[in-house]
């Protein structure tokens, strides 16, 4: 009987091992890592010292200068980020700068045809119109600018400021809600009188779908 004890021990041990293997095979668990946050998504390409010329119909028309550009295809929507400032200029036929846009941060959404400008946003058009604000969206599909934050606008004839801004790309037709400033009343009614502390429309541009309520 004692001679069979080692064999019995081996058989019992083997049975225990096989049972453990069967349990391990039937109760496998999938080990997954936490979801990757948007800010942790790896960029596809990072470029430094950008000085890029862009042509239109074979003629150099635009220049983009930025310290850093980050292209990220993993975010939704996909975007190109200029997180250390961007300066965009437009040339005339003689390569003289006729307008510019600058901002602390810019996001370019190719799929949406949209550029989002943040921080100290400054715009100067070829007609001498100046824009200043903390936010500006450039909808390239509709060829217009808009902002839902405080904006300051200065034209050769008047100055305007308000909490909602929309205009065409040339800033010749614009809409400012809850505005205040100095401008001629004839732009609204055709009269020669001056008027302030009201909304202004220069040219025909559709009003916003959801204008903000006026603040008193």
N, C-alpha and C. Protein backbone atom coordinates (compact mmCIF):
# COMPACT_ATOMS: atom_id res chain seq x y z
N UNK A 1 0.82 -1.21 0.00
CA UNK A 1 0.00 0.00 0.00
C UNK A 1 0.85 1.25 0.00
N UNK A 2 1.94 1.21 0.75
CA UNK A 2 2.79 2.38 0.80
C UNK A 2 3.44 2.66 -0.55
N UNK A 3 3.68 1.56 -1.36
CA UNK A 3 4.31 1.76 -2.66
C UNK A 3 3.41 2.47 -3.63
N UNK A 4 2.06 2.46 -3.39
CA UNK A 4 1.13 3.12 -4.29
C UNK A 4 0.89 4.58 -3.94
N UNK A 5 1.35 4.97 -2.75
CA UNK A 5 1.10 6.36 -2.33
C UNK A 5 1.72 7.39 -3.27
N UNK A 6 2.97 7.24 -3.71
CA UNK A 6 3.54 8.24 -4.63
C UNK A 6 2.75 8.35 -5.93
N UNK A 7 2.31 7.19 -6.48
CA UNK A 7 1.54 7.22 -7.72
C UNK A 7 0.21 7.91 -7.51
N UNK A 8 -0.43 7.60 -6.38
CA UNK A 8 -1.71 8.24 -6.08
C UNK A 8 -1.53 9.75 -5.93
N UNK A 9 -0.44 10.14 -5.31
CA UNK A 9 -0.18 11.58 -5.13
C UNK A 9 0.00 12.27 -6.47
N UNK A 10 0.72 11.61 -7.38
CA UNK A 10 0.93 12.19 -8.72
C UNK A 10 -0.38 12.33 -9.46
N UNK A 11 -1.27 11.30 -9.36
CA UNK A 11 -2.55 11.34 -10.06
C UNK A 11 -3.43 12.46 -9.51
N UNK A 12 -3.46 12.59 -8.19
CA UNK A 12 -4.26 13.65 -7.57
C UNK A 12 -3.73 15.03 -7.97
N UNK A 13 -2.41 15.18 -7.97
CA UNK A 13 -1.82 16.46 -8.34
C UNK A 13 -2.12 16.80 -9.79
N UNK A 14 -2.04 15.81 -10.68
CA UNK A 14 -2.36 16.03 -12.09
C UNK A 14 -3.81 16.44 -12.27
N UNK A 15 -4.71 15.82 -11.50
CA UNK A 15 -6.13 16.18 -11.59
C UNK A 15 -6.37 17.62 -11.17
N UNK A 16 -5.67 18.03 -10.11
CA UNK A 16 -5.81 19.41 -9.65
C UNK A 16 -5.31 20.39 -10.71
N UNK A 17 -4.18 20.08 -11.35
CA UNK A 17 -3.63 20.94 -12.39
C UNK A 17 -4.58 21.05 -13.57
N UNK A 18 -5.13 19.89 -14.01
CA UNK A 18 -6.06 19.89 -15.13
C UNK A 18 -7.32 20.68 -14.81
N UNK A 19 -7.81 20.58 -13.59
CA UNK A 19 -8.99 21.34 -13.18
C UNK A 19 -8.71 22.83 -13.21
N UNK A 20 -7.52 23.21 -12.77
CA UNK A 20 -7.16 24.62 -12.77
C UNK A 20 -7.05 25.14 -14.19
N UNK A 21 -6.47 24.30 -15.09
CA UNK A 21 -6.37 24.70 -16.48
C UNK A 21 -7.74 24.88 -17.11
N UNK A 22 -8.67 23.96 -16.80
CA UNK A 22 -10.02 24.05 -17.36
C UNK A 22 -10.73 25.30 -16.88
N UNK A 23 -10.57 25.61 -15.60
CA UNK A 23 -11.20 26.81 -15.05
C UNK A 23 -10.61 28.06 -15.70
N UNK A 24 -9.28 28.06 -15.89
CA UNK A 24 -8.63 29.21 -16.51
C UNK A 24 -9.09 29.40 -17.94
N UNK A 25 -9.30 28.29 -18.67
CA UNK A 25 -9.71 28.39 -20.07
C UNK A 25 -11.16 28.85 -20.19
N UNK A 26 -12.01 28.43 -19.27
CA UNK A 26 -13.43 28.77 -19.37
C UNK A 26 -13.74 30.14 -18.78
N UNK A 27 -12.85 30.69 -17.96
CA UNK A 27 -13.11 31.97 -17.31
C UNK A 27 -12.07 33.02 -17.71
N UNK A 28 -11.73 33.09 -18.98
CA UNK A 28 -10.78 34.08 -19.45
C UNK A 28 -11.39 35.48 -19.39
N UNK A 29 -10.61 36.43 -18.98
CA UNK A 29 -11.04 37.81 -18.89
C UNK A 29 -10.24 38.68 -19.84
N UNK A 30 -10.92 39.60 -20.48
CA UNK A 30 -10.26 40.52 -21.41
C UNK A 30 -9.74 41.72 -20.63
N UNK A 31 -8.46 41.96 -20.77
CA UNK A 31 -7.83 43.08 -20.06
C UNK A 31 -7.74 44.26 -21.03
N UNK A 32 -8.48 45.31 -20.76
CA UNK A 32 -8.50 46.49 -21.63
C UNK A 32 -8.02 47.71 -20.85
N UNK A 33 -7.38 48.59 -21.57
CA UNK A 33 -6.91 49.84 -20.97
C UNK A 33 -8.03 50.88 -21.01
N UNK A 34 -7.98 51.89 -20.16
CA UNK A 34 -8.99 52.95 -20.19
C UNK A 34 -9.02 53.65 -21.54
N UNK A 35 -10.16 54.23 -21.89
CA UNK A 35 -10.30 54.93 -23.16
C UNK A 35 -9.32 56.10 -23.25
N UNK A 36 -8.79 56.29 -24.42
CA UNK A 36 -7.84 57.38 -24.64
C UNK A 36 -8.60 58.70 -24.71
N UNK A 37 -8.20 59.67 -23.94
CA UNK A 37 -8.83 60.99 -23.98
C UNK A 37 -8.36 61.75 -25.21
N UNK A 38 -9.17 62.73 -25.63
CA UNK A 38 -8.82 63.52 -26.81
C UNK A 38 -7.47 64.19 -26.66
N UNK A 39 -7.19 64.72 -25.45
CA UNK A 39 -5.93 65.43 -25.26
C UNK A 39 -4.73 64.49 -25.24
N UNK A 40 -4.98 63.17 -25.10
CA UNK A 40 -3.89 62.21 -25.10
C UNK A 40 -3.68 61.54 -26.45
N UNK A 41 -4.50 61.87 -27.44
CA UNK A 41 -4.37 61.25 -28.76
C UNK A 41 -3.07 61.70 -29.41
N UNK A 42 -2.40 60.74 -30.01
CA UNK A 42 -1.11 61.03 -30.64
C UNK A 42 -1.32 61.77 -31.95
N UNK A 43 -0.49 62.78 -32.18
CA UNK A 43 -0.57 63.54 -33.43
C UNK A 43 0.05 62.74 -34.57
N UNK A 44 -0.51 62.91 -35.76
CA UNK A 44 0.02 62.23 -36.92
C UNK A 44 1.28 62.93 -37.43
N UNK A 45 1.31 64.27 -37.29
CA UNK A 45 2.46 65.02 -37.76
C UNK A 45 2.56 66.32 -36.97
N UNK A 46 3.78 66.68 -36.57
CA UNK A 46 4.05 67.94 -35.89
C UNK A 46 5.15 68.66 -36.65
N UNK A 47 4.89 69.92 -37.02
CA UNK A 47 5.86 70.70 -37.78
C UNK A 47 6.20 71.97 -37.01
N UNK A 48 7.43 72.45 -37.20
CA UNK A 48 7.90 73.64 -36.51
C UNK A 48 8.41 74.66 -37.53
N UNK A 49 8.28 75.92 -37.17
CA UNK A 49 8.79 76.99 -38.04
C UNK A 49 8.12 77.02 -39.38
N UNK A 50 6.78 77.12 -39.40
CA UNK A 50 6.04 77.08 -40.66
C UNK A 50 6.07 78.45 -41.33
N UNK A 51 6.43 78.45 -42.59
CA UNK A 51 6.37 79.66 -43.43
C UNK A 51 5.95 79.18 -44.82
N UNK A 52 4.65 79.14 -45.04
CA UNK A 52 4.08 78.47 -46.20
C UNK A 52 3.39 79.46 -47.13
N UNK A 53 3.64 79.33 -48.42
CA UNK A 53 2.99 80.15 -49.44
C UNK A 53 1.92 79.31 -50.13
N UNK A 54 0.77 79.93 -50.38
CA UNK A 54 -0.35 79.24 -51.01
C UNK A 54 -0.74 79.99 -52.26
N UNK A 55 -0.87 79.26 -53.36
CA UNK A 55 -1.21 79.90 -54.64
C UNK A 55 -2.69 79.73 -54.95
N UNK A 56 -3.20 80.63 -55.76
CA UNK A 56 -4.58 80.58 -56.24
C UNK A 56 -4.56 80.86 -57.73
N UNK A 57 -4.95 79.85 -58.52
CA UNK A 57 -4.90 79.94 -59.99
C UNK A 57 -3.50 80.25 -60.49
N UNK A 58 -2.51 79.63 -59.85
CA UNK A 58 -1.13 79.78 -60.27
C UNK A 58 -0.45 81.05 -59.77
N UNK A 59 -1.13 81.85 -58.97
CA UNK A 59 -0.57 83.10 -58.45
C UNK A 59 -0.48 83.00 -56.93
N UNK A 60 0.68 83.39 -56.39
CA UNK A 60 0.85 83.38 -54.94
C UNK A 60 -0.09 84.40 -54.30
N UNK A 61 -0.97 83.93 -53.43
CA UNK A 61 -1.97 84.82 -52.85
C UNK A 61 -1.89 84.89 -51.33
N UNK A 62 -1.44 83.81 -50.67
CA UNK A 62 -1.52 83.77 -49.21
C UNK A 62 -0.19 83.28 -48.62
N UNK A 63 0.06 83.69 -47.39
CA UNK A 63 1.20 83.19 -46.63
C UNK A 63 0.74 82.87 -45.21
N UNK A 64 1.17 81.73 -44.70
CA UNK A 64 0.87 81.33 -43.33
C UNK A 64 2.19 81.19 -42.58
N UNK A 65 2.30 81.90 -41.46
CA UNK A 65 3.49 81.84 -40.61
C UNK A 65 3.04 81.38 -39.24
N UNK A 66 3.68 80.35 -38.71
CA UNK A 66 3.34 79.82 -37.39
C UNK A 66 4.56 79.15 -36.78
N UNK A 67 4.58 79.10 -35.46
CA UNK A 67 5.69 78.46 -34.76
C UNK A 67 5.56 76.95 -34.75
N UNK A 68 4.31 76.45 -34.60
CA UNK A 68 4.12 75.01 -34.56
C UNK A 68 2.76 74.63 -35.13
N UNK A 69 2.73 73.52 -35.85
CA UNK A 69 1.50 72.98 -36.42
C UNK A 69 1.38 71.51 -36.03
N UNK A 70 0.18 71.11 -35.55
CA UNK A 70 -0.06 69.73 -35.12
C UNK A 70 -1.23 69.18 -35.92
N UNK A 71 -1.01 68.12 -36.66
CA UNK A 71 -2.07 67.46 -37.43
C UNK A 71 -2.49 66.21 -36.67
N UNK A 72 -3.77 66.12 -36.33
CA UNK A 72 -4.29 64.99 -35.56
C UNK A 72 -5.52 64.43 -36.25
N UNK A 73 -5.40 63.19 -36.74
CA UNK A 73 -6.50 62.51 -37.42
C UNK A 73 -7.32 61.65 -36.49
N UNK A 74 -6.92 61.55 -35.21
CA UNK A 74 -7.62 60.69 -34.26
C UNK A 74 -8.75 61.43 -33.53
N UNK A 75 -8.74 62.74 -33.58
CA UNK A 75 -9.78 63.50 -32.92
C UNK A 75 -11.01 63.60 -33.81
N UNK A 76 -12.12 63.90 -33.20
CA UNK A 76 -13.38 64.04 -33.94
C UNK A 76 -13.98 65.40 -33.62
N UNK A 77 -14.00 66.33 -34.59
CA UNK A 77 -13.54 66.16 -35.98
C UNK A 77 -12.02 66.25 -36.08
N UNK A 78 -11.49 65.74 -37.19
CA UNK A 78 -10.06 65.81 -37.45
C UNK A 78 -9.65 67.28 -37.59
N UNK A 79 -8.42 67.59 -37.17
CA UNK A 79 -8.04 69.01 -37.16
C UNK A 79 -6.55 69.21 -37.31
N UNK A 80 -6.20 70.40 -37.70
CA UNK A 80 -4.83 70.89 -37.70
C UNK A 80 -4.78 72.07 -36.74
N UNK A 81 -3.89 72.00 -35.77
CA UNK A 81 -3.86 73.01 -34.70
C UNK A 81 -2.59 73.83 -34.78
N UNK A 82 -2.77 75.14 -34.73
CA UNK A 82 -1.65 76.07 -34.57
C UNK A 82 -1.74 76.61 -33.14
N UNK A 83 -1.04 75.98 -32.22
CA UNK A 83 -1.24 76.27 -30.80
C UNK A 83 -0.28 77.33 -30.26
N UNK A 84 0.63 77.82 -31.06
CA UNK A 84 1.58 78.84 -30.61
C UNK A 84 1.51 80.10 -31.47
N UNK A 85 0.31 80.38 -31.95
CA UNK A 85 0.10 81.58 -32.74
C UNK A 85 0.16 81.32 -34.24
N UNK A 86 -0.60 82.11 -35.00
CA UNK A 86 -0.61 81.99 -36.45
C UNK A 86 -0.84 83.37 -37.05
N UNK A 87 -0.20 83.61 -38.19
CA UNK A 87 -0.32 84.90 -38.89
C UNK A 87 -0.52 84.59 -40.37
N UNK A 88 -1.68 84.98 -40.91
CA UNK A 88 -2.02 84.72 -42.30
C UNK A 88 -2.16 86.04 -43.05
N UNK A 89 -1.50 86.16 -44.17
CA UNK A 89 -1.57 87.38 -44.97
C UNK A 89 -2.06 87.07 -46.37
N UNK A 90 -2.67 88.05 -46.99
CA UNK A 90 -3.12 87.93 -48.38
C UNK A 90 -2.45 89.02 -49.21
N UNK A 91 -1.94 88.64 -50.39
CA UNK A 91 -1.22 89.56 -51.26
C UNK A 91 -2.12 90.03 -52.40
N UNK A 92 -1.76 91.20 -52.94
CA UNK A 92 -2.38 91.62 -54.18
C UNK A 92 -1.50 91.16 -55.34
N UNK A 93 -1.79 91.61 -56.55
CA UNK A 93 -1.03 91.16 -57.72
C UNK A 93 0.41 91.63 -57.70
N UNK A 94 0.70 92.68 -56.92
CA UNK A 94 2.07 93.19 -56.81
C UNK A 94 2.79 92.63 -55.58
N UNK A 95 2.19 91.62 -54.95
CA UNK A 95 2.74 90.98 -53.76
C UNK A 95 2.83 91.93 -52.56
N UNK A 96 1.95 92.92 -52.52
CA UNK A 96 1.83 93.77 -51.35
C UNK A 96 0.75 93.19 -50.44
N UNK A 97 1.00 93.24 -49.14
CA UNK A 97 0.03 92.71 -48.19
C UNK A 97 -1.19 93.62 -48.18
N UNK A 98 -2.37 93.06 -48.47
CA UNK A 98 -3.59 93.85 -48.47
C UNK A 98 -4.53 93.49 -47.33
N UNK A 99 -4.31 92.34 -46.68
CA UNK A 99 -5.13 91.97 -45.52
C UNK A 99 -4.38 90.92 -44.72
N UNK A 100 -4.78 90.78 -43.45
CA UNK A 100 -4.15 89.76 -42.61
C UNK A 100 -5.10 89.30 -41.52
N UNK A 101 -4.81 88.11 -40.99
CA UNK A 101 -5.53 87.54 -39.85
C UNK A 101 -4.48 86.98 -38.91
N UNK A 102 -4.61 87.26 -37.62
CA UNK A 102 -3.70 86.68 -36.65
C UNK A 102 -4.47 86.27 -35.41
N UNK A 103 -3.97 85.24 -34.72
CA UNK A 103 -4.62 84.73 -33.52
C UNK A 103 -3.61 83.97 -32.67
N UNK A 104 -3.90 83.84 -31.38
CA UNK A 104 -3.04 83.07 -30.49
C UNK A 104 -3.10 81.58 -30.80
N UNK A 105 -4.30 81.10 -31.16
CA UNK A 105 -4.51 79.69 -31.47
C UNK A 105 -5.49 79.57 -32.62
N UNK A 106 -5.25 78.60 -33.50
CA UNK A 106 -6.15 78.37 -34.62
C UNK A 106 -6.36 76.88 -34.80
N UNK A 107 -7.60 76.50 -35.12
CA UNK A 107 -7.95 75.11 -35.43
C UNK A 107 -8.54 75.08 -36.83
N UNK A 108 -7.98 74.22 -37.67
CA UNK A 108 -8.45 74.10 -39.06
C UNK A 108 -9.10 72.74 -39.23
N UNK A 109 -10.42 72.75 -39.50
CA UNK A 109 -11.19 71.52 -39.69
C UNK A 109 -11.46 71.35 -41.18
N UNK A 110 -10.69 70.51 -41.84
CA UNK A 110 -10.83 70.35 -43.29
C UNK A 110 -12.18 69.75 -43.67
N UNK A 111 -12.66 68.79 -42.88
CA UNK A 111 -13.93 68.15 -43.21
C UNK A 111 -15.10 69.11 -43.10
N UNK A 112 -15.00 70.10 -42.24
CA UNK A 112 -16.08 71.06 -42.04
C UNK A 112 -15.88 72.34 -42.82
N UNK A 113 -14.72 72.49 -43.48
CA UNK A 113 -14.37 73.75 -44.16
C UNK A 113 -14.49 74.92 -43.18
N UNK A 114 -13.94 74.73 -41.99
CA UNK A 114 -14.09 75.71 -40.92
C UNK A 114 -12.75 75.97 -40.26
N UNK A 115 -12.48 77.24 -39.96
CA UNK A 115 -11.30 77.64 -39.20
C UNK A 115 -11.78 78.35 -37.94
N UNK A 116 -11.29 77.91 -36.79
CA UNK A 116 -11.65 78.50 -35.51
C UNK A 116 -10.44 79.26 -34.96
N UNK A 117 -10.62 80.53 -34.68
CA UNK A 117 -9.55 81.37 -34.16
C UNK A 117 -9.86 81.73 -32.71
N UNK A 118 -8.83 81.63 -31.84
CA UNK A 118 -9.01 81.88 -30.42
C UNK A 118 -7.90 82.77 -29.89
N UNK A 119 -8.18 83.40 -28.75
CA UNK A 119 -7.18 84.25 -28.12
C UNK A 119 -7.29 85.67 -28.62
N UNK A 120 -6.15 86.29 -28.83
CA UNK A 120 -6.13 87.67 -29.35
C UNK A 120 -6.28 87.62 -30.87
N UNK A 121 -7.52 87.71 -31.32
CA UNK A 121 -7.83 87.62 -32.76
C UNK A 121 -7.85 89.03 -33.34
N UNK A 122 -7.10 89.21 -34.42
CA UNK A 122 -7.03 90.50 -35.10
C UNK A 122 -7.21 90.27 -36.60
N UNK A 123 -8.01 91.13 -37.24
CA UNK A 123 -8.25 91.04 -38.68
C UNK A 123 -8.16 92.44 -39.27
N UNK A 124 -7.51 92.55 -40.42
CA UNK A 124 -7.47 93.77 -41.20
C UNK A 124 -7.78 93.42 -42.64
N UNK A 125 -8.83 94.03 -43.21
CA UNK A 125 -9.21 93.74 -44.59
C UNK A 125 -8.59 94.77 -45.53
N UNK A 126 -8.66 94.49 -46.81
CA UNK A 126 -8.08 95.40 -47.80
C UNK A 126 -8.83 96.72 -47.88
N UNK A 127 -10.07 96.76 -47.34
CA UNK A 127 -10.85 97.99 -47.32
C UNK A 127 -10.62 98.80 -46.05
N UNK A 128 -9.67 98.37 -45.21
CA UNK A 128 -9.36 99.12 -44.01
C UNK A 128 -10.23 98.80 -42.82
N UNK A 129 -11.04 97.75 -42.89
CA UNK A 129 -11.88 97.34 -41.76
C UNK A 129 -11.03 96.54 -40.78
N UNK A 130 -11.15 96.88 -39.49
CA UNK A 130 -10.40 96.19 -38.44
C UNK A 130 -11.36 95.45 -37.52
N UNK A 131 -10.98 94.24 -37.16
CA UNK A 131 -11.77 93.43 -36.23
C UNK A 131 -10.88 93.02 -35.07
N UNK A 132 -11.46 93.03 -33.86
CA UNK A 132 -10.72 92.60 -32.68
C UNK A 132 -11.67 91.83 -31.77
N UNK A 133 -11.22 90.67 -31.27
CA UNK A 133 -12.04 89.87 -30.37
C UNK A 133 -11.25 88.70 -29.82
N UNK A 134 -11.95 87.87 -29.04
CA UNK A 134 -11.34 86.69 -28.45
C UNK A 134 -11.74 85.41 -29.18
N UNK A 135 -12.63 85.53 -30.16
CA UNK A 135 -13.13 84.36 -30.88
C UNK A 135 -13.59 84.79 -32.26
N UNK A 136 -13.28 83.97 -33.25
CA UNK A 136 -13.79 84.21 -34.60
C UNK A 136 -13.79 82.90 -35.37
N UNK A 137 -14.93 82.58 -35.97
CA UNK A 137 -15.05 81.40 -36.83
C UNK A 137 -15.10 81.85 -38.28
N UNK A 138 -14.35 81.14 -39.10
CA UNK A 138 -14.32 81.42 -40.54
C UNK A 138 -14.94 80.23 -41.26
N UNK A 139 -16.18 80.38 -41.68
CA UNK A 139 -16.89 79.33 -42.41
C UNK A 139 -16.56 79.48 -43.89
N UNK A 140 -15.66 78.65 -44.38
CA UNK A 140 -15.23 78.77 -45.78
C UNK A 140 -16.25 78.19 -46.75
N UNK A 141 -17.18 77.42 -46.25
CA UNK A 141 -18.23 76.89 -47.11
C UNK A 141 -19.27 77.96 -47.43
N UNK A 142 -19.59 78.77 -46.41
CA UNK A 142 -20.57 79.85 -46.60
C UNK A 142 -19.90 81.19 -46.87
N UNK A 143 -18.58 81.23 -46.81
CA UNK A 143 -17.81 82.45 -47.07
C UNK A 143 -18.22 83.57 -46.11
N UNK A 144 -18.16 83.27 -44.82
CA UNK A 144 -18.54 84.27 -43.83
C UNK A 144 -17.78 84.04 -42.52
N UNK A 145 -17.74 85.12 -41.71
CA UNK A 145 -17.18 85.08 -40.37
C UNK A 145 -18.33 85.20 -39.37
N UNK A 146 -18.12 84.64 -38.17
CA UNK A 146 -19.08 84.88 -37.10
C UNK A 146 -18.41 84.65 -35.75
N UNK A 147 -18.97 85.28 -34.72
CA UNK A 147 -18.44 85.17 -33.36
C UNK A 147 -19.59 85.30 -32.38
N UNK A 148 -19.55 84.52 -31.31
CA UNK A 148 -20.57 84.57 -30.27
C UNK A 148 -20.06 85.26 -29.01
N UNK A 149 -18.93 85.93 -29.11
CA UNK A 149 -18.35 86.64 -27.98
C UNK A 149 -18.21 88.12 -28.33
N UNK A 150 -17.78 88.89 -27.33
CA UNK A 150 -17.61 90.32 -27.54
C UNK A 150 -16.66 90.57 -28.71
N UNK A 151 -17.07 91.47 -29.61
CA UNK A 151 -16.28 91.80 -30.79
C UNK A 151 -16.25 93.31 -30.96
N UNK A 152 -15.13 93.79 -31.46
CA UNK A 152 -14.94 95.21 -31.76
C UNK A 152 -14.61 95.33 -33.23
N UNK A 153 -15.32 96.24 -33.90
CA UNK A 153 -15.13 96.41 -35.34
C UNK A 153 -14.96 97.89 -35.64
N UNK A 154 -14.01 98.21 -36.47
CA UNK A 154 -13.74 99.60 -36.84
C UNK A 154 -13.63 99.70 -38.35
N UNK A 155 -14.45 100.57 -38.94
CA UNK A 155 -14.41 100.84 -40.37
C UNK A 155 -13.90 102.27 -40.56
N UNK A 156 -13.59 102.68 -41.79
CA UNK A 156 -13.16 104.06 -42.01
C UNK A 156 -14.19 105.09 -41.58
N UNK A 157 -15.48 104.71 -41.47
CA UNK A 157 -16.54 105.67 -41.12
C UNK A 157 -17.03 105.55 -39.69
N UNK A 158 -16.89 104.39 -39.03
CA UNK A 158 -17.54 104.18 -37.75
C UNK A 158 -16.85 103.09 -36.94
N UNK A 159 -17.25 102.97 -35.69
CA UNK A 159 -16.80 101.88 -34.83
C UNK A 159 -18.01 101.19 -34.23
N UNK A 160 -17.92 99.88 -34.05
CA UNK A 160 -19.02 99.09 -33.52
C UNK A 160 -18.46 98.06 -32.56
N UNK A 161 -19.25 97.70 -31.55
CA UNK A 161 -18.90 96.60 -30.66
C UNK A 161 -20.17 95.94 -30.16
N UNK A 162 -20.13 94.64 -30.00
CA UNK A 162 -21.31 93.90 -29.57
C UNK A 162 -20.96 92.48 -29.19
N UNK A 163 -21.98 91.74 -28.77
CA UNK A 163 -21.78 90.38 -28.27
C UNK A 163 -22.04 89.30 -29.32
N UNK A 164 -22.45 89.69 -30.50
CA UNK A 164 -22.62 88.74 -31.60
C UNK A 164 -22.20 89.43 -32.89
N UNK A 165 -21.44 88.73 -33.70
CA UNK A 165 -20.92 89.31 -34.94
C UNK A 165 -21.03 88.31 -36.07
N UNK A 166 -21.44 88.80 -37.23
CA UNK A 166 -21.48 87.97 -38.45
C UNK A 166 -21.22 88.88 -39.64
N UNK A 167 -20.43 88.39 -40.60
CA UNK A 167 -20.16 89.20 -41.79
C UNK A 167 -19.74 88.29 -42.93
N UNK A 168 -19.67 88.88 -44.12
CA UNK A 168 -19.10 88.15 -45.25
C UNK A 168 -17.58 88.17 -45.13
N UNK A 169 -16.89 87.49 -46.04
CA UNK A 169 -15.44 87.37 -45.93
C UNK A 169 -14.72 88.70 -46.11
N UNK A 170 -15.32 89.63 -46.84
CA UNK A 170 -14.70 90.94 -47.04
C UNK A 170 -15.05 91.91 -45.92
N UNK A 171 -15.94 91.51 -45.01
CA UNK A 171 -16.43 92.36 -43.93
C UNK A 171 -17.04 93.65 -44.47
N UNK A 172 -17.70 93.54 -45.62
CA UNK A 172 -18.41 94.66 -46.19
C UNK A 172 -19.89 94.62 -45.81
N UNK A 173 -20.42 93.43 -45.61
CA UNK A 173 -21.80 93.25 -45.15
C UNK A 173 -21.71 92.56 -43.79
N UNK A 174 -22.22 93.22 -42.77
CA UNK A 174 -22.02 92.69 -41.43
C UNK A 174 -23.26 92.90 -40.57
N UNK A 175 -23.31 92.15 -39.49
CA UNK A 175 -24.41 92.21 -38.53
C UNK A 175 -23.80 92.16 -37.13
N UNK A 176 -24.16 93.11 -36.29
CA UNK A 176 -23.68 93.15 -34.91
C UNK A 176 -24.88 93.32 -34.01
N UNK A 177 -25.10 92.40 -33.07
CA UNK A 177 -26.24 92.51 -32.17
C UNK A 177 -25.80 93.06 -30.82
N UNK A 178 -26.77 93.70 -30.14
CA UNK A 178 -26.51 94.32 -28.84
C UNK A 178 -25.28 95.20 -28.91
N UNK A 179 -25.26 96.05 -29.94
CA UNK A 179 -24.05 96.81 -30.23
C UNK A 179 -24.11 98.20 -29.64
N UNK A 180 -22.96 98.83 -29.59
CA UNK A 180 -22.87 100.23 -29.24
C UNK A 180 -21.67 100.81 -29.98
N UNK A 181 -21.75 102.09 -30.30
CA UNK A 181 -20.67 102.71 -31.04
C UNK A 181 -21.18 103.94 -31.77
N UNK A 182 -20.41 104.39 -32.71
CA UNK A 182 -20.79 105.58 -33.49
C UNK A 182 -20.88 105.19 -34.95
N UNK A 183 -22.01 105.51 -35.56
CA UNK A 183 -22.19 105.26 -36.98
C UNK A 183 -23.37 106.09 -37.46
N UNK A 184 -23.57 106.16 -38.75
CA UNK A 184 -24.61 107.00 -39.31
C UNK A 184 -25.92 106.24 -39.41
N UNK A 185 -26.98 106.93 -39.07
CA UNK A 185 -28.28 106.29 -39.06
C UNK A 185 -28.75 105.92 -40.46
N UNK A 186 -28.28 106.62 -41.46
CA UNK A 186 -28.72 106.33 -42.82
C UNK A 186 -28.34 104.93 -43.26
N UNK A 187 -27.36 104.29 -42.58
CA UNK A 187 -27.04 102.91 -42.88
C UNK A 187 -28.21 102.00 -42.56
N UNK A 188 -29.12 102.48 -41.68
CA UNK A 188 -30.27 101.67 -41.28
C UNK A 188 -31.56 102.19 -41.90
N UNK A 189 -31.78 103.52 -41.79
CA UNK A 189 -33.05 104.09 -42.23
C UNK A 189 -32.94 104.95 -43.48
N UNK A 190 -31.70 105.32 -43.87
CA UNK A 190 -31.54 106.20 -45.01
C UNK A 190 -31.47 107.66 -44.62
N UNK A 191 -31.62 107.99 -43.31
CA UNK A 191 -31.54 109.36 -42.85
C UNK A 191 -30.09 109.77 -42.67
N UNK A 192 -29.88 111.06 -42.44
CA UNK A 192 -28.54 111.60 -42.26
C UNK A 192 -28.15 111.73 -40.80
N UNK A 193 -29.08 111.40 -39.88
CA UNK A 193 -28.80 111.57 -38.47
C UNK A 193 -27.86 110.50 -37.97
N UNK A 194 -27.23 110.78 -36.86
CA UNK A 194 -26.35 109.82 -36.23
C UNK A 194 -27.10 109.12 -35.12
N UNK A 195 -26.69 107.91 -34.85
CA UNK A 195 -27.39 107.11 -33.85
C UNK A 195 -26.42 106.14 -33.24
N UNK A 196 -26.63 105.79 -31.96
CA UNK A 196 -25.77 104.83 -31.28
C UNK A 196 -26.58 103.89 -30.42
N UNK A 197 -25.90 102.95 -29.78
CA UNK A 197 -26.51 101.99 -28.86
C UNK A 197 -27.65 101.22 -29.51
N UNK A 198 -27.40 100.64 -30.66
CA UNK A 198 -28.41 99.84 -31.33
C UNK A 198 -27.73 98.84 -32.24
N UNK A 199 -28.52 97.98 -32.85
CA UNK A 199 -27.96 97.01 -33.79
C UNK A 199 -27.67 97.69 -35.10
N UNK A 200 -26.74 97.12 -35.88
CA UNK A 200 -26.39 97.73 -37.15
C UNK A 200 -26.30 96.68 -38.22
N UNK A 201 -26.72 97.06 -39.40
CA UNK A 201 -26.61 96.20 -40.57
C UNK A 201 -26.08 97.05 -41.71
N UNK A 202 -24.96 96.65 -42.30
CA UNK A 202 -24.44 97.33 -43.47
C UNK A 202 -24.53 96.35 -44.62
N UNK A 203 -25.43 96.60 -45.55
CA UNK A 203 -25.63 95.67 -46.63
C UNK A 203 -26.62 94.59 -46.22
N UNK A 204 -26.87 93.66 -47.11
CA UNK A 204 -27.86 92.61 -46.86
C UNK A 204 -27.16 91.34 -46.47
N UNK A 205 -27.38 90.94 -45.24
CA UNK A 205 -26.85 89.66 -44.76
C UNK A 205 -27.88 89.08 -43.82
N UNK A 206 -28.08 87.78 -43.89
CA UNK A 206 -29.14 87.16 -43.12
C UNK A 206 -28.85 87.26 -41.62
N UNK A 207 -29.88 87.50 -40.79
CA UNK A 207 -29.67 87.58 -39.35
C UNK A 207 -29.37 86.20 -38.79
N UNK A 208 -28.82 86.11 -37.59
CA UNK A 208 -28.50 84.81 -37.00
C UNK A 208 -29.76 84.02 -36.68
N UNK A 209 -29.64 82.70 -36.70
CA UNK A 209 -30.79 81.86 -36.42
C UNK A 209 -31.23 81.97 -34.97
N UNK A 210 -30.25 82.10 -34.07
CA UNK A 210 -30.54 82.20 -32.65
C UNK A 210 -29.81 83.39 -32.06
N UNK A 211 -30.30 84.58 -32.26
CA UNK A 211 -29.60 85.74 -31.68
C UNK A 211 -29.70 85.73 -30.18
N UNK A 212 -28.69 86.30 -29.54
CA UNK A 212 -28.68 86.38 -28.09
C UNK A 212 -29.62 87.49 -27.64
N UNK A 213 -30.20 87.28 -26.45
CA UNK A 213 -31.06 88.31 -25.88
C UNK A 213 -30.26 89.53 -25.50
N UNK A 214 -30.84 90.69 -25.63
CA UNK A 214 -30.13 91.92 -25.30
C UNK A 214 -29.95 92.02 -23.79
N UNK A 215 -28.78 92.49 -23.40
CA UNK A 215 -28.49 92.70 -22.00
C UNK A 215 -28.70 94.15 -21.63
N UNK A 216 -29.31 94.39 -20.49
CA UNK A 216 -29.57 95.76 -20.05
C UNK A 216 -28.63 96.07 -18.90
